Amino acid sequence: MNSPLLVFALVLVVLWLSAQGGDLIRKKLLPFQETERDDFTVVLGAMLTLLGLLIGFAFSMAVTRYDQRKNYEEAEANAIGTEYVRADLLPTQDAALVRELLKKYLDQRILFYTTREQQTLSRVNTDTADLQNQLWSAVRSTASTQPTPITALAVSGMNDVLNSQGYTQAAWWNRIPTAAWVLMTVIAVCCNMLLGYSAHHTERRLSLVLPIAVALSFLLISDIDSPRGGNIRVAPQNLLSLAQSLRTP
């Protein structure tokens, strides 16, 4: 769900139509029997409870994934900063090369978090992969010629840099499953149809209360769960702070 506002609009329309559909069924096809109201209330309460639980679980899943993306951003900044310092363990020429490449790599990682355009993102991913190859080649050549424990620290740090990017990408791909969205939508539609079916002689504007509440819940969940399309996004604060510190004389 990369367009939270579109999710809000679609859910609101679908749920309102569901309520109107329930009202139409009562009027045209299956009149509501007042003798069944007690049993109907129990069923409706159970459905609304289930809907609330599903929305709560989905919100928890979205927040957990958001926190995971924040943690990996911090881990990336730490890995890059540590390797920048460990570059001192390499020969002077290799150390200068690694530091320059790390600065360029850091710029690409910041762009990964801030860009929204797919074309720009594709270029960032390509440049990132190219820089990763250059960084690994820089430390590998030194490790091959000078296989010492000190050099191994630089190689280990570079391995952390490369791995942290992979963990970050995996976290950004880790979204709420489509099946969960489908289930929540189906239960919400059923709830609104039941409300529309039972709430006769009710002000029509009141039929918008539940659809608006559920649509707003879906909006918030999809916004948090959308790393690039929503307004609630992970800001690369640690990466930006690191970039500033590396450029300070």
C-alpha atoms as a PDB file:
ATOM      1  CA  MET A   1       0.000   0.000   0.000  1.00  0.00           C
ATOM      2  CA  ASN A   2       2.187   2.813  -1.296  1.00  0.00           C
ATOM      3  CA  SER A   3      -0.581   5.465  -1.547  1.00  0.00           C
ATOM      4  CA  PRO A   4      -2.147   5.999   1.890  1.00  0.00           C
ATOM      5  CA  LEU A   5      -4.520   8.720   0.670  1.00  0.00           C
ATOM      6  CA  LEU A   6      -5.785   6.427  -2.078  1.00  0.00           C
ATOM      7  CA  VAL A   7      -6.313   3.694   0.522  1.00  0.00           C
ATOM      8  CA  PHE A   8      -8.316   6.133   2.650  1.00  0.00           C
ATOM      9  CA  ALA A   9     -10.525   7.225  -0.246  1.00  0.00           C
ATOM     10  CA  LEU A  10     -11.188   3.687  -1.505  1.00  0.00           C
ATOM     11  CA  VAL A  11     -11.914   2.274   1.952  1.00  0.00           C
ATOM     12  CA  LEU A  12     -14.239   5.146   2.808  1.00  0.00           C
ATOM     13  CA  VAL A  13     -16.254   4.752  -0.400  1.00  0.00           C
ATOM     14  CA  VAL A  14     -16.405   0.953  -0.188  1.00  0.00           C
ATOM     15  CA  LEU A  15     -17.484   0.928   3.450  1.00  0.00           C
ATOM     16  CA  TRP A  16     -20.121   3.631   2.960  1.00  0.00           C
ATOM     17  CA  LEU A  17     -21.531   1.725  -0.006  1.00  0.00           C
ATOM     18  CA  SER A  18     -21.529  -1.411   2.144  1.00  0.00           C
ATOM     19  CA  ALA A  19     -23.652   0.341   4.762  1.00  0.00           C
ATOM     20  CA  GLN A  20     -26.040   1.547   2.071  1.00  0.00           C
ATOM     21  CA  GLY A  21     -26.122  -1.959   0.638  1.00  0.00           C
ATOM     22  CA  GLY A  22     -27.142  -3.367   4.012  1.00  0.00           C
ATOM     23  CA  ASP A  23     -29.899  -0.767   4.247  1.00  0.00           C
ATOM     24  CA  LEU A  24     -31.095  -1.680   0.752  1.00  0.00           C
ATOM     25  CA  ILE A  25     -31.169  -5.394   1.596  1.00  0.00           C
ATOM     26  CA  ARG A  26     -33.388  -4.678   4.601  1.00  0.00           C
ATOM     27  CA  LYS A  27     -35.781  -2.565   2.551  1.00  0.00           C
ATOM     28  CA  LYS A  28     -36.006  -4.657  -0.625  1.00  0.00           C
ATOM     29  CA  LEU A  29     -35.021  -8.245   0.091  1.00  0.00           C
ATOM     30  CA  LEU A  30     -34.978  -9.296   3.722  1.00  0.00           C
ATOM     31  CA  PRO A  31     -36.880  -7.133   6.223  1.00  0.00           C
ATOM     32  CA  PHE A  32     -35.316  -6.956   9.664  1.00  0.00           C
ATOM     33  CA  GLN A  33     -37.260  -8.765  12.382  1.00  0.00           C
ATOM     34  CA  GLU A  34     -37.230  -6.983  15.714  1.00  0.00           C
ATOM     35  CA  THR A  35     -37.542 -10.329  17.480  1.00  0.00           C
ATOM     36  CA  GLU A  36     -34.067 -11.166  16.181  1.00  0.00           C
ATOM     37  CA  ARG A  37     -32.434  -7.948  17.371  1.00  0.00           C
ATOM     38  CA  ASP A  38     -30.856  -9.435  20.500  1.00  0.00           C
ATOM     39  CA  ASP A  39     -29.158 -12.233  18.571  1.00  0.00           C
ATOM     40  CA  PHE A  40     -28.218  -9.805  15.812  1.00  0.00           C
ATOM     41  CA  THR A  41     -26.623  -7.451  18.356  1.00  0.00           C
ATOM     42  CA  VAL A  42     -24.435 -10.277  19.647  1.00  0.00           C
ATOM     43  CA  VAL A  43     -23.247 -11.103  16.120  1.00  0.00           C
ATOM     44  CA  LEU A  44     -22.621  -7.452  15.286  1.00  0.00           C
ATOM     45  CA  GLY A  45     -20.696  -6.909  18.527  1.00  0.00           C
ATOM     46  CA  ALA A  46     -18.518  -9.942  17.826  1.00  0.00           C
ATOM     47  CA  MET A  47     -17.784  -8.712  14.289  1.00  0.00           C
ATOM     48  CA  LEU A  48     -16.889  -5.220  15.485  1.00  0.00           C
ATOM     49  CA  THR A  49     -14.643  -6.695  18.186  1.00  0.00           C
ATOM     50  CA  LEU A  50     -12.886  -8.837  15.583  1.00  0.00           C
ATOM     51  CA  LEU A  51     -12.440  -5.798  13.344  1.00  0.00           C
ATOM     52  CA  GLY A  52     -10.951  -3.814  16.222  1.00  0.00           C
ATOM     53  CA  LEU A  53      -8.535  -6.613  17.050  1.00  0.00           C
ATOM     54  CA  LEU A  54      -7.420  -6.948  13.433  1.00  0.00           C
ATOM     55  CA  ILE A  55      -6.831  -3.206  13.123  1.00  0.00           C
ATOM     56  CA  GLY A  56      -4.890  -3.240  16.397  1.00  0.00           C
ATOM     57  CA  PHE A  57      -2.705  -6.144  15.257  1.00  0.00           C
ATOM     58  CA  ALA A  58      -2.094  -4.480  11.885  1.00  0.00           C
ATOM     59  CA  PHE A  59      -1.124  -1.226  13.581  1.00  0.00           C
ATOM     60  CA  SER A  60       1.275  -3.121  15.846  1.00  0.00           C
ATOM     61  CA  MET A  61       2.826  -4.858  12.825  1.00  0.00           C
ATOM     62  CA  ALA A  62       3.272  -1.545  11.008  1.00  0.00           C
ATOM     63  CA  VAL A  63       4.887   0.157  14.017  1.00  0.00           C
ATOM     64  CA  THR A  64       7.225  -2.809  14.552  1.00  0.00           C
ATOM     65  CA  ARG A  65       8.404  -2.625  10.953  1.00  0.00           C
ATOM     66  CA  TYR A  66       8.831   1.149  11.221  1.00  0.00           C
ATOM     67  CA  ASP A  67      10.991   0.744  14.337  1.00  0.00           C
ATOM     68  CA  GLN A  68      13.009  -1.925  12.537  1.00  0.00           C
ATOM     69  CA  ARG A  69      13.747   0.457   9.669  1.00  0.00           C
ATOM     70  CA  LYS A  70      14.842   3.119  12.167  1.00  0.00           C
ATOM     71  CA  ASN A  71      17.147   0.675  13.953  1.00  0.00           C
ATOM     72  CA  TYR A  72      18.802  -0.416  10.713  1.00  0.00           C
ATOM     73  CA  GLU A  73      19.369   3.208   9.703  1.00  0.00           C
ATOM     74  CA  GLU A  74      21.254   3.694  12.959  1.00  0.00           C
ATOM     75  CA  ALA A  75      23.163   0.451  12.394  1.00  0.00           C
ATOM     76  CA  GLU A  76      24.186   1.581   8.911  1.00  0.00           C
ATOM     77  CA  ALA A  77      25.520   4.869  10.225  1.00  0.00           C
ATOM     78  CA  ASN A  78      27.483   3.076  12.952  1.00  0.00           C
ATOM     79  CA  ALA A  79      28.950   0.568  10.497  1.00  0.00           C
ATOM     80  CA  ILE A  80      30.042   3.246   8.030  1.00  0.00           C
ATOM     81  CA  GLY A  81      31.488   5.455  10.778  1.00  0.00           C
ATOM     82  CA  THR A  82      33.391   2.535  12.305  1.00  0.00           C
ATOM     83  CA  GLU A  83      34.872   1.482   8.976  1.00  0.00           C
ATOM     84  CA  TYR A  84      35.873   5.081   8.234  1.00  0.00           C
ATOM     85  CA  VAL A  85      37.941   5.036  11.423  1.00  0.00           C
ATOM     86  CA  ARG A  86      39.324   1.542  10.756  1.00  0.00           C
ATOM     87  CA  ALA A  87      40.620   2.730   7.402  1.00  0.00           C
ATOM     88  CA  ASP A  88      43.640   3.947   9.398  1.00  0.00           C
ATOM     89  CA  LEU A  89      44.653   0.290   9.701  1.00  0.00           C
ATOM     90  CA  LEU A  90      45.185   0.084   5.927  1.00  0.00           C
ATOM     91  CA  PRO A  91      48.201   1.379   3.979  1.00  0.00           C
ATOM     92  CA  THR A  92      48.072   5.124   3.416  1.00  0.00           C
ATOM     93  CA  GLN A  93      47.059   4.957  -0.250  1.00  0.00           C
ATOM     94  CA  ASP A  94      44.356   2.344   0.350  1.00  0.00           C
ATOM     95  CA  ALA A  95      43.092   4.213   3.413  1.00  0.00           C
ATOM     96  CA  ALA A  96      42.612   7.414   1.405  1.00  0.00           C
ATOM     97  CA  LEU A  97      40.745   5.482  -1.301  1.00  0.00           C
ATOM     98  CA  VAL A  98      38.472   3.720   1.187  1.00  0.00           C
ATOM     99  CA  ARG A  99      37.609   6.964   2.948  1.00  0.00           C
ATOM    100  CA  GLU A 100      36.750   8.719  -0.305  1.00  0.00           C
ATOM    101  CA  LEU A 101      34.599   5.797  -1.402  1.00  0.00           C
ATOM    102  CA  LEU A 102      32.859   5.685   1.981  1.00  0.00           C
ATOM    103  CA  LYS A 103      31.907   9.358   1.663  1.00  0.00           C
ATOM    104  CA  LYS A 104      30.355   8.708  -1.743  1.00  0.00           C
ATOM    105  CA  TYR A 105      28.678   5.581  -0.408  1.00  0.00           C
ATOM    106  CA  LEU A 106      27.250   7.556   2.514  1.00  0.00           C
ATOM    107  CA  ASP A 107      25.730  10.078   0.101  1.00  0.00           C
ATOM    108  CA  GLN A 108      24.000   7.264  -1.759  1.00  0.00           C
ATOM    109  CA  ARG A 109      22.623   5.781   1.446  1.00  0.00           C
ATOM    110  CA  ILE A 110      21.161   9.162   2.405  1.00  0.00           C
ATOM    111  CA  LEU A 111      19.532   9.405  -1.035  1.00  0.00           C
ATOM    112  CA  PHE A 112      18.056   5.949  -0.534  1.00  0.00           C
ATOM    113  CA  TYR A 113      16.136   7.230   2.503  1.00  0.00           C
ATOM    114  CA  THR A 114      15.083  10.603   1.079  1.00  0.00           C
ATOM    115  CA  THR A 115      14.138   9.938  -2.537  1.00  0.00           C
ATOM    116  CA  ARG A 116      10.581   9.100  -3.620  1.00  0.00           C
ATOM    117  CA  GLU A 117      11.040   8.855  -7.380  1.00  0.00           C
ATOM    118  CA  GLN A 118      11.424   5.324  -8.701  1.00  0.00           C
ATOM    119  CA  GLN A 119      13.855   6.401 -11.428  1.00  0.00           C
ATOM    120  CA  THR A 120      16.118   8.094  -8.891  1.00  0.00           C
ATOM    121  CA  LEU A 121      15.879   5.078  -6.598  1.00  0.00           C
ATOM    122  CA  SER A 122      16.963   2.740  -9.394  1.00  0.00           C
ATOM    123  CA  ARG A 123      20.002   4.914 -10.048  1.00  0.00           C
ATOM    124  CA  VAL A 124      20.812   5.023  -6.335  1.00  0.00           C
ATOM    125  CA  ASN A 125      20.650   1.232  -6.086  1.00  0.00           C
ATOM    126  CA  THR A 126      22.908   0.859  -9.119  1.00  0.00           C
ATOM    127  CA  ASP A 127      25.453   3.362  -7.786  1.00  0.00           C
ATOM    128  CA  THR A 128      25.331   1.746  -4.352  1.00  0.00           C
ATOM    129  CA  ALA A 129      26.091  -1.692  -5.770  1.00  0.00           C
ATOM    130  CA  ASP A 130      28.975  -0.265  -7.805  1.00  0.00           C
ATOM    131  CA  LEU A 131      30.452   1.489  -4.763  1.00  0.00           C
ATOM    132  CA  GLN A 132      30.108  -1.684  -2.715  1.00  0.00           C
ATOM    133  CA  ASN A 133      32.173  -3.551  -5.295  1.00  0.00           C
ATOM    134  CA  GLN A 134      34.830  -0.841  -5.236  1.00  0.00           C
ATOM    135  CA  LEU A 135      34.948  -0.775  -1.437  1.00  0.00           C
ATOM    136  CA  TRP A 136      35.300  -4.527  -1.181  1.00  0.00           C
ATOM    137  CA  SER A 137      37.996  -4.569  -3.865  1.00  0.00           C
ATOM    138  CA  ALA A 138      39.922  -1.884  -1.984  1.00  0.00           C
ATOM    139  CA  VAL A 139      40.119  -3.878   1.265  1.00  0.00           C
ATOM    140  CA  ARG A 140      40.449  -7.257  -0.446  1.00  0.00           C
ATOM    141  CA  SER A 141      43.611  -6.280  -2.275  1.00  0.00           C
ATOM    142  CA  THR A 142      45.225  -5.175   0.987  1.00  0.00           C
ATOM    143  CA  ALA A 143      44.058  -8.296   2.807  1.00  0.00           C
ATOM    144  CA  SER A 144      45.547 -10.478   0.077  1.00  0.00           C
ATOM    145  CA  THR A 145      48.968  -8.849   0.243  1.00  0.00           C
ATOM    146  CA  GLN A 146      49.021  -8.239   4.020  1.00  0.00           C
ATOM    147  CA  PRO A 147      46.910 -10.950   5.761  1.00  0.00           C
ATOM    148  CA  THR A 148      47.400  -9.667   9.312  1.00  0.00           C
ATOM    149  CA  PRO A 149      44.961  -9.467  12.261  1.00  0.00           C
ATOM    150  CA  ILE A 150      44.997  -5.675  11.951  1.00  0.00           C
ATOM    151  CA  THR A 151      43.986  -5.824   8.297  1.00  0.00           C
ATOM    152  CA  ALA A 152      41.301  -8.335   9.243  1.00  0.00           C
ATOM    153  CA  LEU A 153      39.658  -5.663  11.405  1.00  0.00           C
ATOM    154  CA  ALA A 154      39.297  -3.394   8.371  1.00  0.00           C
ATOM    155  CA  VAL A 155      37.914  -6.272   6.317  1.00  0.00           C
ATOM    156  CA  SER A 156      35.448  -7.171   9.078  1.00  0.00           C
ATOM    157  CA  GLY A 157      34.291  -3.563   9.302  1.00  0.00           C
ATOM    158  CA  MET A 158      33.722  -3.427   5.560  1.00  0.00           C
ATOM    159  CA  ASN A 159      31.725  -6.635   5.796  1.00  0.00           C
ATOM    160  CA  ASP A 160      29.486  -4.940   8.386  1.00  0.00           C
ATOM    161  CA  VAL A 161      28.988  -1.987   6.038  1.00  0.00           C
ATOM    162  CA  LEU A 162      27.864  -4.210   3.187  1.00  0.00           C
ATOM    163  CA  ASN A 163      25.680  -6.409   5.394  1.00  0.00           C
ATOM    164  CA  SER A 164      23.930  -3.442   6.997  1.00  0.00           C
ATOM    165  CA  GLN A 165      22.727  -2.261   3.593  1.00  0.00           C
ATOM    166  CA  GLY A 166      21.242  -5.682   2.914  1.00  0.00           C
ATOM    167  CA  TYR A 167      19.471  -5.725   6.273  1.00  0.00           C
ATOM    168  CA  THR A 168      18.063  -2.273   5.564  1.00  0.00           C
ATOM    169  CA  GLN A 169      16.760  -3.282   2.155  1.00  0.00           C
ATOM    170  CA  ALA A 170      15.128  -6.386   3.631  1.00  0.00           C
ATOM    171  CA  ALA A 171      13.432  -4.251   6.299  1.00  0.00           C
ATOM    172  CA  TRP A 172      12.037  -1.909   3.639  1.00  0.00           C
ATOM    173  CA  TRP A 173      10.626  -4.883   1.748  1.00  0.00           C
ATOM    174  CA  ASN A 174       9.069  -6.290   4.928  1.00  0.00           C
ATOM    175  CA  ARG A 175       5.487  -5.021   4.711  1.00  0.00           C
ATOM    176  CA  ILE A 176       2.126  -6.064   6.112  1.00  0.00           C
ATOM    177  CA  PRO A 177       0.996  -9.071   4.024  1.00  0.00           C
ATOM    178  CA  THR A 178      -1.664  -8.465   1.388  1.00  0.00           C
ATOM    179  CA  ALA A 179      -3.778 -11.236   2.940  1.00  0.00           C
ATOM    180  CA  ALA A 180      -3.978  -9.225   6.171  1.00  0.00           C
ATOM    181  CA  TRP A 181      -5.251  -6.173   4.271  1.00  0.00           C
ATOM    182  CA  VAL A 182      -7.827  -8.310   2.458  1.00  0.00           C
ATOM    183  CA  LEU A 183      -9.068  -9.871   5.692  1.00  0.00           C
ATOM    184  CA  MET A 184      -9.418  -6.488   7.419  1.00  0.00           C
ATOM    185  CA  THR A 185     -11.290  -5.084   4.423  1.00  0.00           C
ATOM    186  CA  VAL A 186     -13.687  -8.035   4.243  1.00  0.00           C
ATOM    187  CA  ILE A 187     -14.469  -7.865   7.968  1.00  0.00           C
ATOM    188  CA  ALA A 188     -14.962  -4.080   7.738  1.00  0.00           C
ATOM    189  CA  VAL A 189     -17.346  -4.488   4.793  1.00  0.00           C
ATOM    190  CA  CYS A 190     -19.344  -7.118   6.703  1.00  0.00           C
ATOM    191  CA  CYS A 191     -19.553  -4.869   9.771  1.00  0.00           C
ATOM    192  CA  ASN A 192     -20.859  -1.938   7.759  1.00  0.00           C
ATOM    193  CA  MET A 193     -23.391  -4.073   5.925  1.00  0.00           C
ATOM    194  CA  LEU A 194     -24.692  -5.411   9.247  1.00  0.00           C
ATOM    195  CA  LEU A 195     -24.926  -1.893  10.646  1.00  0.00           C
ATOM    196  CA  GLY A 196     -26.751  -0.676   7.566  1.00  0.00           C
ATOM    197  CA  TYR A 197     -29.093  -3.649   7.755  1.00  0.00           C
ATOM    198  CA  SER A 198     -30.036  -3.116  11.392  1.00  0.00           C
ATOM    199  CA  ALA A 199     -29.970   0.692  11.756  1.00  0.00           C
ATOM    200  CA  HIS A 200     -33.299   1.642  10.176  1.00  0.00           C
ATOM    201  CA  HIS A 201     -34.868   5.035  10.777  1.00  0.00           C
ATOM    202  CA  THR A 202     -31.384   6.397  11.485  1.00  0.00           C
ATOM    203  CA  GLU A 203     -29.963   9.690  10.276  1.00  0.00           C
ATOM    204  CA  ARG A 204     -28.104   8.934   7.033  1.00  0.00           C
ATOM    205  CA  ARG A 205     -25.094  10.958   8.108  1.00  0.00           C
ATOM    206  CA  LEU A 206     -24.538   8.588  11.029  1.00  0.00           C
ATOM    207  CA  SER A 207     -23.823   5.802   8.534  1.00  0.00           C
ATOM    208  CA  LEU A 208     -20.568   7.621   7.756  1.00  0.00           C
ATOM    209  CA  VAL A 209     -19.221   7.379  11.326  1.00  0.00           C
ATOM    210  CA  LEU A 210     -17.867   3.809  11.149  1.00  0.00           C
ATOM    211  CA  PRO A 211     -16.582   4.076   7.558  1.00  0.00           C
ATOM    212  CA  ILE A 212     -14.672   7.268   8.414  1.00  0.00           C
ATOM    213  CA  ALA A 213     -13.225   5.757  11.610  1.00  0.00           C
ATOM    214  CA  VAL A 214     -12.096   2.586   9.844  1.00  0.00           C
ATOM    215  CA  ALA A 215     -10.789   4.498   6.817  1.00  0.00           C
ATOM    216  CA  LEU A 216      -8.711   6.741   9.082  1.00  0.00           C
ATOM    217  CA  SER A 217      -7.303   3.651  10.797  1.00  0.00           C
ATOM    218  CA  PHE A 218      -6.377   2.149   7.431  1.00  0.00           C
ATOM    219  CA  LEU A 219      -4.826   5.482   6.418  1.00  0.00           C
ATOM    220  CA  LEU A 220      -2.553   5.575   9.467  1.00  0.00           C
ATOM    221  CA  ILE A 221      -1.550   1.917   9.155  1.00  0.00           C
ATOM    222  CA  SER A 222      -0.775   2.185   5.437  1.00  0.00           C
ATOM    223  CA  ASP A 223       1.148   5.435   5.990  1.00  0.00           C
ATOM    224  CA  ILE A 224       3.386   3.867   8.643  1.00  0.00           C
ATOM    225  CA  ASP A 225       3.762   0.688   6.576  1.00  0.00           C
ATOM    226  CA  SER A 226       4.765   2.593   3.426  1.00  0.00           C
ATOM    227  CA  PRO A 227       8.484   3.434   3.746  1.00  0.00           C
ATOM    228  CA  ARG A 228       8.529   5.719   0.733  1.00  0.00           C
ATOM    229  CA  GLY A 229       4.945   6.663  -0.125  1.00  0.00           C
ATOM    230  CA  GLY A 230       3.636   7.928   3.194  1.00  0.00           C
ATOM    231  CA  ASN A 231       4.267  11.021   5.265  1.00  0.00           C
ATOM    232  CA  ILE A 232       5.547   9.045   8.269  1.00  0.00           C
ATOM    233  CA  ARG A 233       8.985   8.043   7.039  1.00  0.00           C
ATOM    234  CA  VAL A 234      12.339   7.162   8.540  1.00  0.00           C
ATOM    235  CA  ALA A 235      14.567  10.239   8.387  1.00  0.00           C
ATOM    236  CA  PRO A 236      18.291   9.414   7.954  1.00  0.00           C
ATOM    237  CA  GLN A 237      19.258  11.505  10.965  1.00  0.00           C
ATOM    238  CA  ASN A 238      22.205   9.331  11.959  1.00  0.00           C
ATOM    239  CA  LEU A 239      23.526   9.160   8.395  1.00  0.00           C
ATOM    240  CA  LEU A 240      23.183  12.923   7.967  1.00  0.00           C
ATOM    241  CA  SER A 241      24.956  13.523  11.267  1.00  0.00           C
ATOM    242  CA  LEU A 242      27.766  11.195  10.190  1.00  0.00           C
ATOM    243  CA  ALA A 243      28.073  12.908   6.806  1.00  0.00           C
ATOM    244  CA  GLN A 244      28.368  16.278   8.520  1.00  0.00           C
ATOM    245  CA  SER A 245      31.019  15.019  10.934  1.00  0.00           C
ATOM    246  CA  LEU A 246      33.094  13.476   8.117  1.00  0.00           C
ATOM    247  CA  ARG A 247      33.090  16.750   6.201  1.00  0.00           C
ATOM    248  CA  THR A 248      34.039  18.846   9.210  1.00  0.00           C
ATOM    249  CA  PRO A 249      37.770  19.641   9.108  1.00  0.00           C
END
